[in-house]
Amino acid sequence: MRKISRWTMVVLTACSSTEWVHPRKPSSEYTSDYNTCATAATRDPTLQQGNQFLLTNATERCIHKEGWRLIEQ
């Protein structure tokens, strides 16, 4: 069996595409839901220190709670 180098794995992983999907909503509604979650995250007093990493994590947690899932295609 032939071994695959780490570099090859990185390239193959980088070439894959991902998409946010929801079981009951069309993909066109993702942007609206994401913007709603991002706005809510910026209004959270615990996140107002401006740390982008924390804001991004809070937004992604919110989008998951809304039912969106990131899938690899």
Protein backbone atom coordinates (compact mmCIF):
# COMPACT_ATOMS: atom_id res chain seq x y z
CA MET A 1 0.00 0.00 0.00
CA ARG A 2 1.35 3.40 -0.95
CA LYS A 3 1.77 6.04 1.75
CA ILE A 4 0.43 9.54 1.21
CA SER A 5 2.72 12.36 2.28
CA ARG A 6 1.57 15.01 4.73
CA TRP A 7 1.92 17.68 2.07
CA THR A 8 -0.41 15.74 -0.22
CA MET A 9 -2.97 15.49 2.58
CA VAL A 10 -2.78 19.25 3.15
CA VAL A 11 -3.32 19.95 -0.54
CA LEU A 12 -6.21 17.50 -0.77
CA THR A 13 -7.85 18.93 2.32
CA ALA A 14 -7.41 22.49 1.05
CA CYS A 15 -9.08 21.58 -2.23
CA SER A 16 -12.26 20.29 -0.63
CA SER A 17 -15.23 22.62 -0.40
CA THR A 18 -17.61 23.19 2.47
CA GLU A 19 -21.12 24.55 2.59
CA TRP A 20 -23.55 25.60 5.32
CA VAL A 21 -26.81 23.64 5.07
CA HIS A 22 -30.07 23.72 7.01
CA PRO A 23 -32.63 20.90 7.03
CA ARG A 24 -35.62 23.22 6.47
CA LYS A 25 -34.27 26.48 5.03
CA PRO A 26 -32.84 27.30 1.60
CA SER A 27 -29.15 28.22 1.47
CA SER A 28 -30.10 31.77 0.51
CA GLU A 29 -31.28 32.38 4.10
CA TYR A 30 -27.86 31.60 5.59
CA THR A 31 -26.57 35.16 5.18
CA SER A 32 -29.55 36.62 6.97
CA ASP A 33 -29.24 34.18 9.87
CA TYR A 34 -25.47 34.71 10.04
CA ASN A 35 -25.87 38.50 10.16
CA THR A 36 -28.48 38.17 12.93
CA CYS A 37 -26.11 35.99 14.95
CA ALA A 38 -23.14 38.30 14.33
CA THR A 39 -25.15 41.31 15.49
CA ALA A 40 -26.24 39.45 18.63
CA ALA A 41 -22.62 38.50 19.36
CA THR A 42 -21.43 42.11 19.12
CA ARG A 43 -24.17 43.19 21.55
CA ASP A 44 -23.08 40.64 24.18
CA PRO A 45 -21.33 42.64 26.95
CA THR A 46 -18.88 39.81 27.64
CA LEU A 47 -17.64 39.98 24.04
CA GLN A 48 -17.33 43.76 23.70
CA GLN A 49 -13.60 43.73 24.27
CA GLY A 50 -13.27 43.35 20.50
CA ASN A 51 -11.59 39.94 20.35
CA GLN A 52 -12.43 38.73 16.84
CA PHE A 53 -11.77 35.09 17.75
CA LEU A 54 -14.40 35.20 20.53
CA LEU A 55 -16.90 37.00 18.29
CA THR A 56 -16.44 34.44 15.53
CA ASN A 57 -16.89 31.54 17.95
CA ALA A 58 -20.04 33.10 19.43
CA THR A 59 -21.45 33.69 15.95
CA GLU A 60 -20.76 30.09 14.90
CA ARG A 61 -22.34 28.74 18.10
CA CYS A 62 -25.43 30.82 17.36
CA ILE A 63 -25.61 29.67 13.75
CA HIS A 64 -25.41 26.04 14.94
CA LYS A 65 -28.26 26.70 17.40
CA GLU A 66 -30.30 28.01 14.46
CA GLY A 67 -29.89 24.59 12.82
CA TRP A 68 -27.15 25.30 10.26
CA ARG A 69 -24.41 22.69 9.78
CA LEU A 70 -21.14 22.98 7.93
CA ILE A 71 -20.66 20.00 5.62
CA GLU A 72 -17.76 19.02 3.42
CA GLN A 73 -18.51 18.21 -0.19
